[in-house]
């Protein structure tokens, strides 16, 4: 059996494609991935996916249109399907038509009547999807974003604060800013320890460039890399940084500073209290979905128009943190405003000292993010319906 997966950006590639591809591979399914064009892409998705176990071929986004137009043909097996795991569902439907394969999607609420199968996380999402597709085509499997995560039983470090500066170009502004915040907090609480979790999609060159000169619109501090584990800021603060250890960091930290993204749900799974930061100072760099995000991709004037729209609509943007969007209420604080290093340091210290509030966050997060095996269920169902295990 062949499964052709479509995906688009860092969160989906790491949290959705990786566990599903592995589960399919373990059942001897051939997995090919088509990375589709996306404004939220980091540019590192193809190389990341090529390094994963269980993926046979990866087609980069620059090849998508030649494939979609029929100029380049994908290999097709007798049995197979297309599986949407991020991006625009239209891309998955296009490949399904070209390959004459059924199309399945993992949906957080999107679906249409032309799809053959829709996987959803819970009954709440199922109710939304049922308005657009027959209920017999819907399978509740659990939250795929968290299905491959495990709790290791690591003890909490009471004074450890984790910094998650993001995975896209955003990191060049946020990393120096968060390090500046760490310096300010350390001046007040000398016992605090900080750790930076860097996305596997961020290159060492990008980190070095980010530390060379902070964004003057946001501020922060310069720094240098000491080997492969330490950043030293210009004032001498040394902070450990790690790639591919984000889950250990989430489980062992007491508070996190992060930007919107997939990792806000992953932190929810580990019950990690967080402050989700969206600085209006650099609104043109903020990755947002919908019309505003598309406007930002227009050459030359797009980022400027996007920035002005965000400034005008800041109070009505809605929730950006996934736990808040899931609960449809504020579970974790979202700091959406013009920020300085000093301002955010003061806000973060106030939360850090409010232990009762942090514990409430932890309790609420754990209620919304139980353990599940969605990746395994998806693989089993695809194989049973359209593979050698077909009933």
Protein backbone atom coordinates (compact mmCIF):
# COMPACT_ATOMS: atom_id res chain seq x y z
CA UNK A 1 0.00 0.00 0.00
CA UNK A 2 1.05 3.59 -0.67
CA UNK A 3 0.08 6.65 1.36
CA UNK A 4 0.85 10.07 -0.13
CA UNK A 5 0.90 12.64 2.66
CA UNK A 6 0.52 16.38 2.06
CA UNK A 7 1.91 18.78 4.65
CA UNK A 8 3.16 22.34 4.84
CA UNK A 9 5.03 23.77 7.82
CA UNK A 10 7.16 22.96 10.92
CA UNK A 11 4.41 22.15 13.42
CA UNK A 12 2.56 19.79 11.09
CA UNK A 13 5.73 18.08 9.81
CA UNK A 14 7.03 17.41 13.32
CA UNK A 15 3.82 16.75 15.28
CA UNK A 16 1.59 15.13 12.63
CA UNK A 17 3.66 13.62 9.81
CA UNK A 18 6.48 12.17 11.92
CA UNK A 19 4.37 9.85 14.14
CA UNK A 20 1.92 8.84 11.40
CA UNK A 21 4.69 8.04 8.90
CA UNK A 22 6.43 5.86 11.49
CA UNK A 23 3.21 4.01 12.35
CA UNK A 24 2.50 3.36 8.64
CA UNK A 25 6.07 2.24 7.98
CA UNK A 26 5.86 -0.27 10.82
CA UNK A 27 2.91 -1.84 8.96
CA UNK A 28 4.99 -2.03 5.76
CA UNK A 29 3.19 0.86 4.03
CA UNK A 30 5.16 2.98 1.53
CA UNK A 31 4.98 6.64 2.56
CA UNK A 32 5.65 9.54 0.19
CA UNK A 33 5.32 13.17 1.31
CA UNK A 34 4.48 16.19 -0.82
CA UNK A 35 5.37 19.49 0.88
CA UNK A 36 2.94 22.12 -0.40
CA UNK A 37 3.58 25.89 -0.69
CA UNK A 38 2.83 27.73 2.56
CA UNK A 39 3.39 31.20 4.02
CA UNK A 40 4.21 29.61 7.40
CA UNK A 41 6.98 27.36 6.11
CA UNK A 42 10.51 27.63 7.48
CA UNK A 43 12.22 26.33 4.35
CA UNK A 44 13.66 23.39 6.33
CA UNK A 45 10.64 21.07 6.10
CA UNK A 46 12.00 18.96 3.23
CA UNK A 47 15.36 18.27 4.88
CA UNK A 48 13.62 17.50 8.19
CA UNK A 49 11.26 15.01 6.56
CA UNK A 50 14.07 13.35 4.61
CA UNK A 51 15.70 12.53 7.94
CA UNK A 52 12.67 10.73 9.34
CA UNK A 53 12.28 6.97 9.57
CA UNK A 54 9.63 5.50 7.32
CA UNK A 55 9.42 8.10 4.54
CA UNK A 56 10.36 6.85 1.09
CA UNK A 57 10.32 10.08 -0.96
CA UNK A 58 9.85 13.77 -0.17
CA UNK A 59 8.75 16.20 -2.87
CA UNK A 60 9.70 19.82 -1.97
CA UNK A 61 7.23 22.73 -2.34
CA UNK A 62 8.98 24.06 -5.45
CA UNK A 63 7.95 20.84 -7.24
CA UNK A 64 4.31 20.99 -6.18
CA UNK A 65 2.93 22.97 -9.11
CA UNK A 66 4.64 20.78 -11.70
CA UNK A 67 3.08 17.77 -9.97
CA UNK A 68 -0.34 19.43 -9.61
CA UNK A 69 -0.34 20.45 -13.28
CA UNK A 70 0.48 16.92 -14.39
CA UNK A 71 3.92 17.81 -15.79
CA UNK A 72 5.55 15.48 -13.26
CA UNK A 73 3.82 12.25 -12.28
CA UNK A 74 3.98 10.64 -8.86
CA UNK A 75 4.52 6.87 -8.77
CA UNK A 76 1.23 5.11 -8.13
CA UNK A 77 0.60 1.70 -6.57
CA UNK A 78 -2.45 -0.51 -6.94
CA UNK A 79 -3.67 0.26 -3.43
CA UNK A 80 -3.30 3.62 -1.73
CA UNK A 81 -4.71 6.93 -0.59
CA UNK A 82 -3.81 10.58 -0.06
CA UNK A 83 -3.63 11.77 3.56
CA UNK A 84 -3.85 15.49 4.34
CA UNK A 85 -1.70 16.47 7.33
CA UNK A 86 -1.49 20.23 7.05
CA UNK A 87 -1.81 23.09 4.56
CA UNK A 88 -4.72 23.55 2.14
CA UNK A 89 -7.10 20.62 1.66
CA UNK A 90 -7.38 21.59 -2.00
CA UNK A 91 -3.81 20.34 -2.56
CA UNK A 92 -4.70 16.91 -1.15
CA UNK A 93 -7.82 16.72 -3.31
CA UNK A 94 -5.78 17.66 -6.38
CA UNK A 95 -3.32 14.82 -5.76
CA UNK A 96 -6.19 12.43 -5.05
CA UNK A 97 -7.72 13.24 -8.43
CA UNK A 98 -4.39 12.87 -10.26
CA UNK A 99 -3.63 9.52 -8.61
CA UNK A 100 -7.24 8.33 -8.58
CA UNK A 101 -6.87 7.70 -4.84
CA UNK A 102 -9.37 8.30 -2.03
CA UNK A 103 -8.56 11.32 0.14
CA UNK A 104 -8.44 11.30 3.94
CA UNK A 105 -7.75 14.33 6.12
CA UNK A 106 -6.90 14.98 9.73
CA UNK A 107 -9.13 17.93 10.53
CA UNK A 108 -9.31 20.52 13.28
CA UNK A 109 -12.66 21.63 11.87
CA UNK A 110 -12.25 21.91 8.10
CA UNK A 111 -13.87 19.41 5.73
CA UNK A 112 -16.03 19.19 2.61
CA UNK A 113 -18.42 16.68 1.07
CA UNK A 114 -15.90 15.54 -1.56
CA UNK A 115 -13.58 13.90 1.01
CA UNK A 116 -13.61 10.16 1.58
CA UNK A 117 -12.59 10.09 5.26
CA UNK A 118 -12.08 12.67 8.01
CA UNK A 119 -10.14 12.04 11.22
CA UNK A 120 -10.94 14.35 14.15
CA UNK A 121 -9.60 14.76 17.66
CA UNK A 122 -12.84 14.72 19.63
CA UNK A 123 -16.63 14.75 19.52
CA UNK A 124 -16.70 18.56 19.62
CA UNK A 125 -14.77 18.72 16.34
CA UNK A 126 -16.88 15.88 14.96
CA UNK A 127 -20.03 17.96 15.54
CA UNK A 128 -18.54 20.81 13.47
CA UNK A 129 -17.48 18.53 10.65
CA UNK A 130 -20.82 16.70 10.52
CA UNK A 131 -22.39 19.88 9.13
CA UNK A 132 -20.36 19.42 5.92
CA UNK A 133 -19.79 15.67 5.53
CA UNK A 134 -21.68 12.45 6.22
CA UNK A 135 -21.09 11.17 9.73
CA UNK A 136 -20.15 7.68 8.52
CA UNK A 137 -17.05 9.25 6.93
CA UNK A 138 -15.82 10.63 10.28
CA UNK A 139 -13.50 8.84 12.72
CA UNK A 140 -12.68 10.18 16.19
CA UNK A 141 -9.05 9.26 16.92
CA UNK A 142 -7.74 11.76 19.50
CA UNK A 143 -5.39 14.74 19.28
CA UNK A 144 -2.72 13.82 16.74
CA UNK A 145 -0.51 16.70 17.78
CA UNK A 146 0.12 14.99 21.11
CA UNK A 147 -0.33 11.31 20.35
CA UNK A 148 3.36 10.42 20.22
CA UNK A 149 4.30 12.33 23.38
CA UNK A 150 5.22 10.50 26.58
CA UNK A 151 5.66 11.65 30.14
CA UNK A 152 9.03 10.63 31.50
CA UNK A 153 8.36 11.46 35.13
CA UNK A 154 11.05 14.17 35.22
CA UNK A 155 11.03 16.33 38.36
CA UNK A 156 10.15 20.01 38.08
CA UNK A 157 12.98 22.50 38.54
CA UNK A 158 11.38 25.24 40.61
CA UNK A 159 13.57 28.04 39.25
CA UNK A 160 13.85 26.95 35.61
CA UNK A 161 12.20 29.13 32.98
CA UNK A 162 12.13 27.85 29.39
CA UNK A 163 12.44 30.12 26.36
CA UNK A 164 10.87 28.99 23.08
CA UNK A 165 11.72 31.60 20.40
CA UNK A 166 10.03 29.84 17.47
CA UNK A 167 10.95 27.98 14.32
CA UNK A 168 10.67 30.43 11.45
CA UNK A 169 12.34 33.75 10.59
CA UNK A 170 10.62 34.98 13.74
CA UNK A 171 13.53 33.57 15.76
CA UNK A 172 15.90 36.31 14.58
CA UNK A 173 13.90 38.88 16.54
CA UNK A 174 12.54 36.78 19.41
CA UNK A 175 15.74 35.02 20.54
CA UNK A 176 17.67 38.24 21.37
CA UNK A 177 14.49 39.65 22.93
CA UNK A 178 13.90 36.64 25.20
CA UNK A 179 17.56 36.63 26.24
CA UNK A 180 17.23 40.30 27.17
CA UNK A 181 14.16 39.44 29.25
CA UNK A 182 16.15 36.69 30.95
CA UNK A 183 18.89 39.17 31.87
CA UNK A 184 16.34 41.57 33.39
CA UNK A 185 14.62 38.81 35.37
CA UNK A 186 17.97 37.51 36.62
CA UNK A 187 18.79 40.94 38.04
CA UNK A 188 15.73 40.67 40.29
CA UNK A 189 15.86 36.93 41.00
CA UNK A 190 19.48 35.78 40.94
CA UNK A 191 18.48 32.12 41.51
CA UNK A 192 16.56 31.88 38.25
CA UNK A 193 17.86 29.49 35.60
CA UNK A 194 16.99 29.79 31.91
CA UNK A 195 17.10 27.28 29.10
CA UNK A 196 16.47 27.86 25.39
CA UNK A 197 14.67 25.23 23.34
CA UNK A 198 15.49 25.65 19.66
CA UNK A 199 13.42 24.13 16.90
CA UNK A 200 15.08 21.50 14.68
CA UNK A 201 14.06 23.79 11.81
CA UNK A 202 16.45 26.55 12.96
CA UNK A 203 19.99 26.37 11.58
CA UNK A 204 23.13 27.27 13.54
CA UNK A 205 23.77 30.05 11.03
CA UNK A 206 20.35 31.54 11.78
CA UNK A 207 21.09 31.46 15.53
CA UNK A 208 24.44 33.18 15.03
CA UNK A 209 22.86 35.89 12.87
CA UNK A 210 20.07 36.44 15.38
CA UNK A 211 22.60 37.03 18.15
CA UNK A 212 24.63 39.48 16.06
CA UNK A 213 22.15 42.35 16.17
CA UNK A 214 18.77 42.56 17.98
CA UNK A 215 15.82 43.93 16.02
CA UNK A 216 15.79 47.67 16.90
CA UNK A 217 11.99 47.66 16.82
CA UNK A 218 11.81 45.09 19.62
CA UNK A 219 15.13 45.21 21.48
CA UNK A 220 17.10 42.52 23.19
CA UNK A 221 20.76 41.63 23.63
CA UNK A 222 23.64 40.43 21.51
CA UNK A 223 25.32 37.13 22.21
CA UNK A 224 27.71 34.45 21.02
CA UNK A 225 27.60 30.66 20.86
CA UNK A 226 29.95 28.75 23.14
CA UNK A 227 30.23 25.32 21.56
CA UNK A 228 27.00 23.44 20.89
CA UNK A 229 25.17 23.99 24.17
CA UNK A 230 25.63 27.52 25.52
CA UNK A 231 24.75 31.08 24.55
CA UNK A 232 26.63 33.86 26.30
CA UNK A 233 25.02 37.29 26.18
CA UNK A 234 27.06 40.48 25.90
CA UNK A 235 26.71 41.09 29.64
CA UNK A 236 27.97 37.59 30.49
CA UNK A 237 24.76 35.65 31.18
CA UNK A 238 25.22 32.04 30.05
CA UNK A 239 22.13 30.13 28.96
CA UNK A 240 22.03 26.50 27.84
CA UNK A 241 20.33 25.82 24.52
CA UNK A 242 19.16 22.52 23.05
CA UNK A 243 17.62 21.09 19.90
CA UNK A 244 15.35 18.03 19.95
CA UNK A 245 15.00 18.08 23.75
CA UNK A 246 11.90 20.26 23.88
CA UNK A 247 9.78 17.67 25.66
CA UNK A 248 12.25 17.10 28.48
CA UNK A 249 12.43 20.88 28.86
CA UNK A 250 8.65 21.20 28.90
CA UNK A 251 8.32 18.51 31.56
CA UNK A 252 11.03 19.88 33.84
CA UNK A 253 10.42 23.66 33.66
CA UNK A 254 8.16 25.77 35.86
CA UNK A 255 7.25 28.47 33.34
CA UNK A 256 7.75 29.09 29.62
CA UNK A 257 7.92 32.16 27.42
CA UNK A 258 6.82 31.29 23.90
CA UNK A 259 5.22 32.60 20.73
CA UNK A 260 2.02 31.14 19.20
CA UNK A 261 2.47 27.74 17.60
CA UNK A 262 2.19 23.98 17.90
CA UNK A 263 4.35 23.89 20.99
CA UNK A 264 1.67 25.66 23.03
CA UNK A 265 -0.43 22.47 22.80
CA UNK A 266 2.60 20.30 23.54
CA UNK A 267 3.27 22.37 26.67
CA UNK A 268 -0.37 21.83 27.54
CA UNK A 269 0.18 18.06 27.48
CA UNK A 270 2.99 18.46 30.02
CA UNK A 271 1.00 20.93 32.12
CA UNK A 272 3.63 23.65 31.66
CA UNK A 273 2.39 27.16 32.53
CA UNK A 274 3.25 29.58 29.73
CA UNK A 275 3.08 33.19 28.62
CA UNK A 276 2.27 33.38 24.91
CA UNK A 277 3.88 36.47 23.43
CA UNK A 278 2.77 38.38 20.33
CA UNK A 279 4.72 41.67 20.21
CA UNK A 280 3.00 44.28 18.08
CA UNK A 281 6.40 45.97 17.59
CA UNK A 282 7.17 43.39 14.89
CA UNK A 283 3.64 42.66 13.71
CA UNK A 284 4.76 42.34 10.10
CA UNK A 285 6.81 39.27 11.10
CA UNK A 286 4.05 37.58 13.08
CA UNK A 287 2.79 34.39 11.36
CA UNK A 288 -1.02 34.57 11.24
CA UNK A 289 -3.60 32.55 9.32
CA UNK A 290 -6.35 33.88 7.08
CA UNK A 291 -6.56 37.00 4.94
CA UNK A 292 -4.11 39.00 7.06
CA UNK A 293 -1.47 36.28 6.66
CA UNK A 294 -1.98 36.19 2.89
CA UNK A 295 -1.70 39.98 2.62
CA UNK A 296 1.71 39.76 4.27
CA UNK A 297 3.02 37.61 1.42
CA UNK A 298 2.42 40.30 -1.23
CA UNK A 299 5.86 41.54 -2.39
CA UNK A 300 7.10 44.92 -1.16
CA UNK A 301 3.97 46.50 0.38
CA UNK A 302 2.36 43.34 1.79
CA UNK A 303 4.22 43.29 5.15
CA UNK A 304 3.45 46.98 5.72
CA UNK A 305 -0.28 46.50 5.04
CA UNK A 306 -0.26 43.41 7.27
CA UNK A 307 1.35 45.33 10.13
CA UNK A 308 -1.17 48.15 9.96
CA UNK A 309 -4.09 45.69 9.88
CA UNK A 310 -2.79 43.88 12.96
CA UNK A 311 -2.33 47.15 14.81
CA UNK A 312 -5.89 48.16 13.95
CA UNK A 313 -7.38 44.79 14.90
CA UNK A 314 -5.14 43.82 17.83
CA UNK A 315 -8.02 43.86 20.28
CA UNK A 316 -10.11 41.53 18.12
CA UNK A 317 -7.50 39.04 16.86
CA UNK A 318 -8.92 36.34 19.11
CA UNK A 319 -6.99 33.57 20.81
CA UNK A 320 -3.61 32.64 19.32
CA UNK A 321 -2.53 30.01 21.89
CA UNK A 322 -3.83 26.53 21.02
CA UNK A 323 -4.96 25.70 24.59
CA UNK A 324 -7.12 28.83 24.59
CA UNK A 325 -8.51 28.06 21.15
CA UNK A 326 -9.30 24.51 22.23
CA UNK A 327 -11.06 25.64 25.40
CA UNK A 328 -12.54 28.78 23.79
CA UNK A 329 -11.48 30.67 26.89
CA UNK A 330 -8.25 31.89 28.44
CA UNK A 331 -6.35 28.99 29.96
CA UNK A 332 -2.93 30.63 29.53
CA UNK A 333 -2.15 34.37 29.28
CA UNK A 334 -1.60 35.93 25.86
CA UNK A 335 0.52 39.08 25.84
CA UNK A 336 -0.55 40.93 22.68
CA UNK A 337 0.84 44.46 22.87
CA UNK A 338 3.82 46.65 22.13
CA UNK A 339 6.56 45.24 24.33
CA UNK A 340 9.97 46.09 25.69
CA UNK A 341 12.45 43.84 27.48
CA UNK A 342 11.69 45.56 30.80
CA UNK A 343 7.91 45.31 30.35
CA UNK A 344 7.89 41.59 29.60
CA UNK A 345 10.40 40.87 32.38
CA UNK A 346 8.09 42.58 34.88
CA UNK A 347 5.05 40.64 33.61
CA UNK A 348 6.89 37.32 33.65
CA UNK A 349 8.21 37.85 37.18
CA UNK A 350 4.70 38.62 38.44
CA UNK A 351 3.44 35.31 37.02
CA UNK A 352 6.48 33.39 38.28
CA UNK A 353 5.86 34.59 41.85
CA UNK A 354 2.13 33.74 41.71
CA UNK A 355 2.44 30.01 42.42
CA UNK A 356 -1.29 29.52 42.88
CA UNK A 357 -1.98 30.93 39.43
CA UNK A 358 0.70 28.72 37.85
CA UNK A 359 -0.82 25.64 39.52
CA UNK A 360 -4.27 26.56 38.21
CA UNK A 361 -2.81 26.79 34.70
CA UNK A 362 -1.21 23.36 35.10
CA UNK A 363 -4.44 21.78 36.33
CA UNK A 364 -6.51 23.28 33.49
CA UNK A 365 -4.00 22.28 30.81
CA UNK A 366 -3.91 18.67 31.95
CA UNK A 367 -7.70 18.43 31.70
CA UNK A 368 -7.63 19.40 28.04
CA UNK A 369 -4.66 17.28 26.94
CA UNK A 370 -4.95 13.60 27.94
CA UNK A 371 -2.73 10.90 26.43
CA UNK A 372 -3.90 9.16 23.23
CA UNK A 373 -2.68 7.03 20.30
CA UNK A 374 -4.15 8.93 17.33
CA UNK A 375 -1.18 8.23 15.03
CA UNK A 376 -1.59 4.47 15.46
CA UNK A 377 -5.36 4.61 14.97
CA UNK A 378 -4.98 6.62 11.75
CA UNK A 379 -2.48 4.10 10.34
CA UNK A 380 -4.70 1.14 11.31
CA UNK A 381 -7.84 2.64 9.77
CA UNK A 382 -6.14 3.60 6.49
CA UNK A 383 -4.69 0.12 6.13
CA UNK A 384 -8.00 -1.55 6.94
CA UNK A 385 -9.98 0.58 4.46
CA UNK A 386 -7.67 0.88 1.49
CA UNK A 387 -4.69 -1.43 2.01
CA UNK A 388 -3.88 -5.09 2.24
CA UNK A 389 -5.89 -5.30 5.43
CA UNK A 390 -9.04 -4.24 3.59
CA UNK A 391 -12.14 -5.96 4.93
